[in-house]
Amino acid sequence: MQFITEPTPLKKLFENRQTGYMELLKFAIDIENRWIAIDGEMHADCETLLLEKGSKQENIWGGNIYPGNTEPDLLEFSSFINIRPSQDNPGMDVMNPEIRDEIRKIVQQLLIF
């Protein structure tokens, strides 16, 4: 698992992945601190790393990135860690379009394609 705070080549992350997923990398992203934890076995593993680094739970969202794809199929905004009725997100998908846009911006900023 990697903790990303500076631009990092996605290809390198994918080639050196620790998990057995053949097409994707799971990630959790802190939309306030603009950090990404990527390549966890589960989104919760990535979430835990961000919490250990000082992230606040309400700022962490999970998803998948498919390095072999391009937009609109590059990112998937679905994870159990996204189920937050208290934040008007009752399901696994990130429902708020502003949060989705922020996730996209951070991914584009920190992961070099």
N, C-alpha and C. Protein backbone atom coordinates (compact mmCIF):
# COMPACT_ATOMS: atom_id res chain seq x y z
N MET A 1 0.85 -1.17 0.00
CA MET A 1 0.00 0.00 0.00
C MET A 1 0.90 1.24 0.00
N GLN A 2 0.45 2.26 -0.72
CA GLN A 2 1.24 3.48 -0.85
C GLN A 2 0.45 4.68 -0.33
N PHE A 3 1.16 5.62 0.27
CA PHE A 3 0.60 6.88 0.75
C PHE A 3 1.12 7.96 -0.20
N ILE A 4 0.22 8.60 -0.93
CA ILE A 4 0.61 9.53 -1.99
C ILE A 4 0.27 10.96 -1.60
N THR A 5 1.30 11.81 -1.59
CA THR A 5 1.10 13.24 -1.33
C THR A 5 1.73 14.10 -2.42
N GLU A 6 2.51 13.48 -3.28
CA GLU A 6 3.19 14.17 -4.38
C GLU A 6 2.87 13.43 -5.68
N PRO A 7 2.94 14.11 -6.82
CA PRO A 7 2.65 13.44 -8.09
C PRO A 7 3.49 12.17 -8.26
N THR A 8 2.80 11.09 -8.60
CA THR A 8 3.41 9.77 -8.72
C THR A 8 2.87 9.08 -9.97
N PRO A 9 3.74 8.44 -10.75
CA PRO A 9 3.26 7.75 -11.95
C PRO A 9 2.33 6.58 -11.61
N LEU A 10 1.14 6.61 -12.16
CA LEU A 10 0.17 5.53 -11.94
C LEU A 10 0.71 4.21 -12.48
N LYS A 11 1.38 4.25 -13.61
CA LYS A 11 1.93 3.03 -14.21
C LYS A 11 2.88 2.34 -13.24
N LYS A 12 3.73 3.11 -12.57
CA LYS A 12 4.68 2.55 -11.61
C LYS A 12 3.94 1.92 -10.42
N LEU A 13 2.92 2.61 -9.92
CA LEU A 13 2.13 2.07 -8.82
C LEU A 13 1.48 0.74 -9.21
N PHE A 14 0.93 0.71 -10.42
CA PHE A 14 0.24 -0.50 -10.88
C PHE A 14 1.22 -1.65 -11.11
N GLU A 15 2.36 -1.36 -11.72
CA GLU A 15 3.36 -2.41 -11.97
C GLU A 15 3.91 -2.99 -10.67
N ASN A 16 3.99 -2.18 -9.62
CA ASN A 16 4.55 -2.61 -8.34
C ASN A 16 3.48 -2.92 -7.30
N ARG A 17 2.24 -3.14 -7.74
CA ARG A 17 1.14 -3.36 -6.80
C ARG A 17 1.39 -4.58 -5.93
N GLN A 18 0.89 -4.49 -4.72
CA GLN A 18 1.05 -5.57 -3.75
C GLN A 18 -0.16 -6.51 -3.72
N THR A 19 -1.29 -6.02 -4.23
CA THR A 19 -2.50 -6.83 -4.22
C THR A 19 -2.59 -7.65 -5.50
N GLY A 20 -3.49 -8.59 -5.51
CA GLY A 20 -3.63 -9.48 -6.66
C GLY A 20 -4.65 -9.04 -7.69
N TYR A 21 -5.17 -7.84 -7.56
CA TYR A 21 -6.16 -7.37 -8.53
C TYR A 21 -5.48 -7.12 -9.87
N MET A 22 -6.04 -7.68 -10.92
CA MET A 22 -5.39 -7.62 -12.23
C MET A 22 -5.73 -6.36 -13.02
N GLU A 23 -6.86 -5.72 -12.72
CA GLU A 23 -7.29 -4.58 -13.53
C GLU A 23 -7.44 -3.29 -12.76
N LEU A 24 -7.33 -3.33 -11.45
CA LEU A 24 -7.65 -2.14 -10.67
C LEU A 24 -6.74 -1.96 -9.47
N LEU A 25 -6.78 -0.76 -8.94
CA LEU A 25 -6.16 -0.44 -7.65
C LEU A 25 -7.25 0.17 -6.78
N LYS A 26 -7.40 -0.34 -5.57
CA LYS A 26 -8.35 0.24 -4.62
C LYS A 26 -7.67 1.44 -3.96
N PHE A 27 -8.46 2.47 -3.69
CA PHE A 27 -7.90 3.65 -3.03
C PHE A 27 -8.89 4.24 -2.04
N ALA A 28 -8.34 5.02 -1.12
CA ALA A 28 -9.12 5.92 -0.28
C ALA A 28 -8.45 7.27 -0.42
N ILE A 29 -9.26 8.30 -0.43
CA ILE A 29 -8.74 9.64 -0.69
C ILE A 29 -9.27 10.61 0.36
N ASP A 30 -8.39 11.45 0.86
CA ASP A 30 -8.75 12.50 1.81
C ASP A 30 -8.95 13.77 0.99
N ILE A 31 -10.20 14.23 0.89
CA ILE A 31 -10.48 15.38 0.03
C ILE A 31 -10.10 16.71 0.67
N GLU A 32 -9.80 16.72 1.96
CA GLU A 32 -9.36 17.96 2.59
C GLU A 32 -7.84 18.10 2.53
N ASN A 33 -7.12 17.07 2.95
CA ASN A 33 -5.65 17.12 2.93
C ASN A 33 -5.07 16.80 1.56
N ARG A 34 -5.91 16.27 0.66
CA ARG A 34 -5.50 15.94 -0.71
C ARG A 34 -4.43 14.83 -0.70
N TRP A 35 -4.73 13.77 0.04
CA TRP A 35 -3.86 12.60 0.14
C TRP A 35 -4.59 11.40 -0.46
N ILE A 36 -3.81 10.46 -0.96
CA ILE A 36 -4.37 9.20 -1.45
C ILE A 36 -3.60 8.04 -0.82
N ALA A 37 -4.33 7.07 -0.32
CA ALA A 37 -3.76 5.77 0.05
C ALA A 37 -4.26 4.81 -1.01
N ILE A 38 -3.35 4.08 -1.63
CA ILE A 38 -3.71 3.26 -2.79
C ILE A 38 -3.06 1.89 -2.70
N ASP A 39 -3.70 0.91 -3.31
CA ASP A 39 -3.21 -0.46 -3.40
C ASP A 39 -3.40 -1.24 -2.11
N GLY A 40 -4.52 -1.00 -1.45
CA GLY A 40 -4.87 -1.82 -0.30
C GLY A 40 -5.67 -3.04 -0.74
N GLU A 41 -5.63 -4.08 0.04
CA GLU A 41 -6.45 -5.26 -0.25
C GLU A 41 -7.93 -4.89 -0.19
N MET A 42 -8.26 -4.02 0.77
CA MET A 42 -9.62 -3.50 0.91
C MET A 42 -9.55 -1.99 1.03
N HIS A 43 -10.64 -1.32 0.69
CA HIS A 43 -10.69 0.13 0.86
C HIS A 43 -10.45 0.51 2.32
N ALA A 44 -10.93 -0.33 3.23
CA ALA A 44 -10.77 -0.05 4.66
C ALA A 44 -9.29 -0.02 5.06
N ASP A 45 -8.45 -0.80 4.39
CA ASP A 45 -7.01 -0.76 4.68
C ASP A 45 -6.45 0.62 4.31
N CYS A 46 -6.87 1.13 3.17
CA CYS A 46 -6.42 2.45 2.73
C CYS A 46 -6.96 3.53 3.67
N GLU A 47 -8.21 3.37 4.06
CA GLU A 47 -8.83 4.31 4.99
C GLU A 47 -8.06 4.34 6.31
N THR A 48 -7.68 3.18 6.82
CA THR A 48 -6.94 3.10 8.08
C THR A 48 -5.61 3.84 7.97
N LEU A 49 -4.92 3.68 6.86
CA LEU A 49 -3.65 4.38 6.67
C LEU A 49 -3.86 5.89 6.71
N LEU A 50 -4.89 6.38 6.04
CA LEU A 50 -5.16 7.82 6.06
C LEU A 50 -5.49 8.31 7.47
N LEU A 51 -6.27 7.54 8.20
CA LEU A 51 -6.59 7.92 9.58
C LEU A 51 -5.33 7.97 10.44
N GLU A 52 -4.43 7.01 10.24
CA GLU A 52 -3.16 7.00 10.98
C GLU A 52 -2.31 8.22 10.65
N LYS A 53 -2.45 8.75 9.43
CA LYS A 53 -1.69 9.93 9.01
C LYS A 53 -2.34 11.23 9.46
N GLY A 54 -3.54 11.15 10.05
CA GLY A 54 -4.19 12.34 10.58
C GLY A 54 -5.45 12.79 9.86
N SER A 55 -5.91 12.01 8.91
CA SER A 55 -7.15 12.36 8.21
C SER A 55 -8.35 12.25 9.15
N LYS A 56 -9.40 12.99 8.82
CA LYS A 56 -10.66 12.89 9.53
C LYS A 56 -11.60 12.00 8.72
N GLN A 57 -12.32 11.14 9.42
CA GLN A 57 -13.22 10.17 8.78
C GLN A 57 -14.13 10.81 7.75
N GLU A 58 -14.72 11.95 8.07
CA GLU A 58 -15.70 12.56 7.17
C GLU A 58 -15.11 13.05 5.85
N ASN A 59 -13.78 13.11 5.76
CA ASN A 59 -13.11 13.58 4.54
C ASN A 59 -12.59 12.44 3.67
N ILE A 60 -12.77 11.20 4.10
CA ILE A 60 -12.21 10.05 3.38
C ILE A 60 -13.30 9.36 2.56
N TRP A 61 -12.99 9.13 1.29
CA TRP A 61 -13.90 8.44 0.38
C TRP A 61 -13.12 7.36 -0.37
N GLY A 62 -13.80 6.28 -0.71
CA GLY A 62 -13.13 5.16 -1.37
C GLY A 62 -13.59 4.93 -2.79
N GLY A 63 -12.74 4.26 -3.53
CA GLY A 63 -13.07 3.92 -4.91
C GLY A 63 -12.02 3.03 -5.53
N ASN A 64 -12.14 2.86 -6.83
CA ASN A 64 -11.20 2.05 -7.60
C ASN A 64 -10.73 2.85 -8.80
N ILE A 65 -9.49 2.60 -9.18
CA ILE A 65 -8.96 3.19 -10.41
C ILE A 65 -8.54 2.05 -11.32
N TYR A 66 -8.89 2.19 -12.58
CA TYR A 66 -8.60 1.18 -13.60
C TYR A 66 -7.54 1.75 -14.54
N PRO A 67 -6.26 1.49 -14.29
CA PRO A 67 -5.18 2.10 -15.08
C PRO A 67 -5.25 1.83 -16.58
N GLY A 68 -5.88 0.76 -17.00
CA GLY A 68 -5.98 0.45 -18.42
C GLY A 68 -7.11 1.17 -19.13
N ASN A 69 -7.91 1.91 -18.38
CA ASN A 69 -9.07 2.60 -18.95
C ASN A 69 -8.82 4.10 -19.04
N THR A 70 -9.69 4.77 -19.76
CA THR A 70 -9.70 6.23 -19.82
C THR A 70 -11.06 6.71 -19.33
N GLU A 71 -11.18 8.02 -19.12
CA GLU A 71 -12.48 8.58 -18.71
C GLU A 71 -13.52 8.24 -19.76
N PRO A 72 -14.72 7.92 -19.41
CA PRO A 72 -15.30 7.98 -18.08
C PRO A 72 -15.15 6.68 -17.28
N ASP A 73 -14.39 5.72 -17.79
CA ASP A 73 -14.27 4.41 -17.13
C ASP A 73 -13.02 4.26 -16.28
N LEU A 74 -12.32 5.35 -16.04
CA LEU A 74 -11.08 5.31 -15.28
C LEU A 74 -11.33 5.13 -13.78
N LEU A 75 -12.30 5.86 -13.25
CA LEU A 75 -12.58 5.84 -11.82
C LEU A 75 -13.94 5.22 -11.52
N GLU A 76 -13.99 4.52 -10.40
CA GLU A 76 -15.24 4.00 -9.87
C GLU A 76 -15.35 4.51 -8.44
N PHE A 77 -16.49 5.06 -8.09
CA PHE A 77 -16.68 5.72 -6.80
C PHE A 77 -17.48 4.85 -5.83
N SER A 78 -17.18 3.59 -5.77
CA SER A 78 -17.97 2.65 -4.98
C SER A 78 -17.10 1.95 -3.94
N SER A 79 -17.58 1.97 -2.68
CA SER A 79 -16.87 1.30 -1.59
C SER A 79 -17.77 1.25 -0.36
N PHE A 80 -17.59 0.22 0.44
CA PHE A 80 -18.32 0.14 1.70
C PHE A 80 -18.00 1.33 2.61
N ILE A 81 -16.79 1.87 2.53
CA ILE A 81 -16.44 2.99 3.42
C ILE A 81 -17.21 4.26 3.08
N ASN A 82 -17.89 4.27 1.94
CA ASN A 82 -18.67 5.44 1.54
C ASN A 82 -20.08 5.46 2.13
N ILE A 83 -20.49 4.39 2.77
CA ILE A 83 -21.84 4.34 3.34
C ILE A 83 -21.86 5.23 4.58
N ARG A 84 -22.51 6.40 4.43
CA ARG A 84 -22.55 7.39 5.50
C ARG A 84 -23.87 8.13 5.49
N PRO A 85 -24.89 7.56 6.06
CA PRO A 85 -26.17 8.26 6.11
C PRO A 85 -26.07 9.64 6.78
N SER A 86 -25.18 9.78 7.74
CA SER A 86 -25.03 11.08 8.43
C SER A 86 -24.49 12.17 7.51
N GLN A 87 -23.90 11.78 6.38
CA GLN A 87 -23.40 12.73 5.39
C GLN A 87 -24.22 12.65 4.10
N ASP A 88 -25.47 12.23 4.24
CA ASP A 88 -26.38 12.10 3.09
C ASP A 88 -25.82 11.19 2.00
N ASN A 89 -25.10 10.15 2.40
CA ASN A 89 -24.57 9.17 1.45
C ASN A 89 -24.95 7.77 1.95
N PRO A 90 -26.20 7.34 1.68
CA PRO A 90 -26.68 6.08 2.25
C PRO A 90 -26.18 4.81 1.56
N GLY A 91 -25.52 4.95 0.41
CA GLY A 91 -25.07 3.77 -0.32
C GLY A 91 -23.57 3.73 -0.52
N MET A 92 -23.13 2.73 -1.26
CA MET A 92 -21.70 2.53 -1.49
C MET A 92 -21.09 3.53 -2.46
N ASP A 93 -21.90 4.07 -3.37
CA ASP A 93 -21.40 5.04 -4.35
C ASP A 93 -21.36 6.44 -3.75
N VAL A 94 -20.35 7.22 -4.12
CA VAL A 94 -20.30 8.63 -3.71
C VAL A 94 -21.41 9.34 -4.48
N MET A 95 -22.40 9.84 -3.77
CA MET A 95 -23.58 10.43 -4.39
C MET A 95 -23.41 11.90 -4.75
N ASN A 96 -22.63 12.63 -3.96
CA ASN A 96 -22.49 14.07 -4.13
C ASN A 96 -21.57 14.37 -5.33
N PRO A 97 -22.09 15.05 -6.37
CA PRO A 97 -21.26 15.33 -7.54
C PRO A 97 -20.08 16.24 -7.24
N GLU A 98 -20.19 17.11 -6.25
CA GLU A 98 -19.07 17.97 -5.87
C GLU A 98 -17.92 17.15 -5.28
N ILE A 99 -18.26 16.15 -4.48
CA ILE A 99 -17.23 15.28 -3.91
C ILE A 99 -16.59 14.44 -5.02
N ARG A 100 -17.39 13.93 -5.93
CA ARG A 100 -16.85 13.17 -7.07
C ARG A 100 -15.87 14.03 -7.87
N ASP A 101 -16.25 15.28 -8.13
CA ASP A 101 -15.38 16.19 -8.87
C ASP A 101 -14.08 16.44 -8.12
N GLU A 102 -14.16 16.59 -6.80
CA GLU A 102 -12.96 16.82 -6.00
C GLU A 102 -12.05 15.59 -6.04
N ILE A 103 -12.63 14.41 -5.96
CA ILE A 103 -11.85 13.17 -6.08
C ILE A 103 -11.13 13.14 -7.42
N ARG A 104 -11.84 13.44 -8.50
CA ARG A 104 -11.22 13.46 -9.83
C ARG A 104 -10.05 14.43 -9.88
N LYS A 105 -10.24 15.63 -9.34
CA LYS A 105 -9.18 16.65 -9.35
C LYS A 105 -7.94 16.17 -8.61
N ILE A 106 -8.14 15.57 -7.45
CA ILE A 106 -7.00 15.10 -6.65
C ILE A 106 -6.29 13.96 -7.37
N VAL A 107 -7.05 13.04 -7.95
CA VAL A 107 -6.45 11.94 -8.72
C VAL A 107 -5.63 12.50 -9.87
N GLN A 108 -6.18 13.47 -10.60
CA GLN A 108 -5.45 14.07 -11.73
C GLN A 108 -4.21 14.82 -11.27
N GLN A 109 -4.26 15.38 -10.07
CA GLN A 109 -3.13 16.12 -9.53
C GLN A 109 -2.02 15.19 -9.03
N LEU A 110 -2.39 14.08 -8.41
CA LEU A 110 -1.39 13.24 -7.74
C LEU A 110 -0.98 11.99 -8.52
N LEU A 111 -1.79 11.55 -9.45
CA LEU A 111 -1.44 10.36 -10.22
C LEU A 111 -1.14 10.75 -11.65
N ILE A 112 0.08 10.52 -12.07
CA ILE A 112 0.53 10.89 -13.41
C ILE A 112 0.16 9.76 -14.36
N PHE A 113 -0.59 10.08 -15.40
CA PHE A 113 -1.07 9.08 -16.36
C PHE A 113 -0.14 8.98 -17.54
